[in-house]
Protein backbone atom coordinates (compact mmCIF):
# COMPACT_ATOMS: atom_id res chain seq x y z
CA MET A 1 13.14 -4.70 15.12
CA THR A 2 10.91 -5.85 12.28
CA THR A 3 11.78 -4.84 8.74
CA CYS A 4 8.99 -3.06 6.91
CA PRO A 5 7.12 -5.34 4.50
CA CYS A 6 6.98 -2.61 1.85
CA GLY A 7 10.73 -2.92 1.29
CA ARG A 8 11.56 0.80 1.31
CA ASN A 9 15.32 1.31 1.61
CA THR A 10 17.50 3.86 3.34
CA ALA A 11 19.97 5.92 1.31
CA LYS A 12 22.53 3.21 2.11
CA GLY A 13 20.29 0.50 0.64
CA GLN A 14 19.15 -1.04 3.93
CA VAL A 15 15.47 -1.95 4.36
CA LEU A 16 13.78 0.39 6.83
CA ASN A 17 12.22 -1.11 9.93
CA LEU A 18 8.45 -1.00 10.34
CA ASP A 19 8.60 1.65 13.09
CA ALA A 20 10.53 4.03 10.82
CA CYS A 21 8.45 3.38 7.71
CA CYS A 22 4.81 2.25 7.52
CA GLY A 23 4.21 1.74 11.24
CA PRO A 24 3.51 5.42 12.02
CA LEU A 25 1.00 5.56 9.14
CA HIS A 26 -0.75 2.48 10.53
CA ALA A 27 -0.94 4.35 13.86
CA SER A 28 -2.83 7.23 12.11
CA LEU A 29 -0.05 9.56 10.89
CA ALA A 30 -1.06 10.99 7.51
CA ALA A 31 0.94 9.69 4.54
CA PRO A 32 3.06 12.45 2.96
CA ASP A 33 2.29 11.26 -0.58
CA ALA A 34 0.38 8.61 -2.52
CA GLU A 35 3.41 6.34 -2.89
CA SER A 36 3.84 6.20 0.89
CA LEU A 37 0.15 5.40 1.27
CA MET A 38 0.46 2.65 -1.35
CA ARG A 39 3.43 1.17 0.50
CA SER A 40 1.58 1.34 3.83
CA ARG A 41 -1.44 -0.39 2.31
CA TYR A 42 0.78 -3.18 0.99
CA SER A 43 2.28 -3.55 4.48
CA ALA A 44 -1.26 -3.64 5.92
CA PHE A 45 -2.15 -6.52 3.57
CA VAL A 46 0.97 -8.38 4.74
CA LEU A 47 0.13 -7.72 8.40
CA GLY A 48 -3.61 -8.40 8.02
CA ASP A 49 -4.59 -4.89 9.14
CA VAL A 50 -8.09 -4.74 7.63
CA PRO A 51 -9.21 -1.64 9.64
CA TYR A 52 -6.29 0.36 8.17
CA LEU A 53 -7.05 -0.81 4.64
CA LEU A 54 -10.68 0.24 4.97
CA ALA A 55 -9.79 3.57 6.61
CA THR A 56 -7.42 4.48 3.74
CA TRP A 57 -9.90 3.53 1.02
CA HIS A 58 -11.78 6.53 -0.39
CA ASN A 59 -15.37 6.51 0.86
CA SER A 60 -16.73 6.61 -2.72
CA GLN A 61 -15.23 3.18 -3.43
CA ARG A 62 -14.76 1.60 0.02
CA PRO A 63 -16.31 -1.85 0.32
CA GLY A 64 -18.62 -2.60 3.24
CA GLU A 65 -16.23 -5.30 4.39
CA LEU A 66 -12.89 -6.72 3.35
CA VAL A 67 -11.89 -10.33 3.77
CA LEU A 68 -8.24 -11.11 3.12
CA GLU A 69 -7.13 -14.31 1.41
CA ALA A 70 -6.30 -16.79 4.17
CA GLY A 71 -2.85 -18.29 3.81
CA ALA A 72 -1.46 -15.70 1.40
CA LYS A 73 2.32 -15.38 1.74
CA TRP A 74 3.41 -11.95 0.57
CA LEU A 75 6.72 -11.94 -1.29
CA GLY A 76 7.41 -8.33 -2.20
CA LEU A 77 6.37 -4.98 -3.59
CA GLN A 78 7.91 -3.13 -6.51
CA ILE A 79 6.89 0.45 -7.25
CA LYS A 80 7.19 0.86 -11.01
CA GLN A 81 6.09 4.49 -11.25
CA TYR A 82 4.68 7.29 -9.11
CA ARG A 83 3.30 10.46 -10.63
CA ALA A 84 1.22 13.38 -9.50
CA THR A 85 -1.73 13.84 -11.86
CA GLY A 86 -2.99 17.04 -10.24
CA GLU A 87 -2.63 19.09 -7.09
CA HIS A 88 -4.55 16.51 -5.04
CA THR A 89 -4.41 13.41 -7.24
CA ALA A 90 -1.74 10.85 -8.06
CA GLU A 91 -1.16 7.44 -9.61
CA VAL A 92 1.09 4.62 -8.46
CA GLU A 93 1.96 1.69 -10.70
CA PHE A 94 3.10 -1.30 -8.70
CA VAL A 95 3.68 -5.03 -8.78
CA ALA A 96 2.85 -7.03 -5.64
CA ARG A 97 3.87 -10.67 -5.51
CA PHE A 98 2.42 -13.32 -3.24
CA ARG A 99 1.91 -17.04 -3.02
CA LEU A 100 -1.54 -18.51 -2.45
CA GLY A 101 -2.22 -22.23 -2.22
CA GLY A 102 1.22 -23.00 -3.64
CA LYS A 103 0.66 -20.80 -6.69
CA ALA A 104 2.66 -17.66 -7.41
CA VAL A 105 0.51 -14.58 -8.02
CA ARG A 106 1.70 -11.31 -9.51
CA GLN A 107 -0.64 -8.32 -9.21
CA HIS A 108 0.36 -5.48 -11.52
CA GLU A 109 -1.87 -2.46 -10.99
CA LEU A 110 -2.13 1.23 -11.76
CA SER A 111 -3.78 2.71 -8.67
CA ARG A 112 -5.40 6.13 -8.33
CA PHE A 113 -5.24 8.23 -5.17
CA VAL A 114 -6.80 11.46 -3.98
CA ARG A 115 -5.86 13.81 -1.13
CA GLU A 116 -8.68 15.27 0.93
CA GLU A 117 -8.22 17.44 4.00
CA GLY A 118 -4.51 16.61 4.07
CA ARG A 119 -4.92 12.81 3.87
CA TRP A 120 -4.33 10.51 0.92
CA PHE A 121 -6.87 7.81 0.03
CA TYR A 122 -6.81 4.90 -2.38
CA VAL A 123 -9.64 5.37 -4.90
CA ASP A 124 -9.38 2.49 -7.36
CA GLY A 125 -7.05 0.84 -9.83
CA ASP A 126 -6.69 -0.95 -13.12
CA VAL A 127 -5.08 -4.37 -13.20
CA LEU A 128 -2.43 -4.36 -15.91
C-alpha cells in the first residue's frame, strides 16, 4: 500500500493510503469539497498526473498544456485554512514544499474553487 502524498490522516493520526484518499478522485470520483480537491491536485503533482490536473482546472482558467518541473521532489502539503465563500465557492490556503535542483521551495497560496454540476474545480490562486 502506498501512503497518500497529500498527508491526510485518519482519526488515529495515521496517514491514509492513496486508495483510501486521493486515488478514487484521480479515477474520476467527484471531490466532496474544495479541500479534498486541493489535496488530490497536490497528489497529482507528486505523481505527475497532468491529465487529472488539467481536468480539475476550471475551463475559464485552464492552460492549453501543463509541463511539470522535471526533477521536483515533493516534500509535503499543509492546509492552513479552508472556508466556504458561498454555496458553490470556496478558498483553500495551503503551503506546498518541494525541492528543485537542490533548492528548497515553499509555495504558499490562497486558491479559489468553484463547484459546477456537482464537481469542484480549481479556478486560480494568489501566491502569498
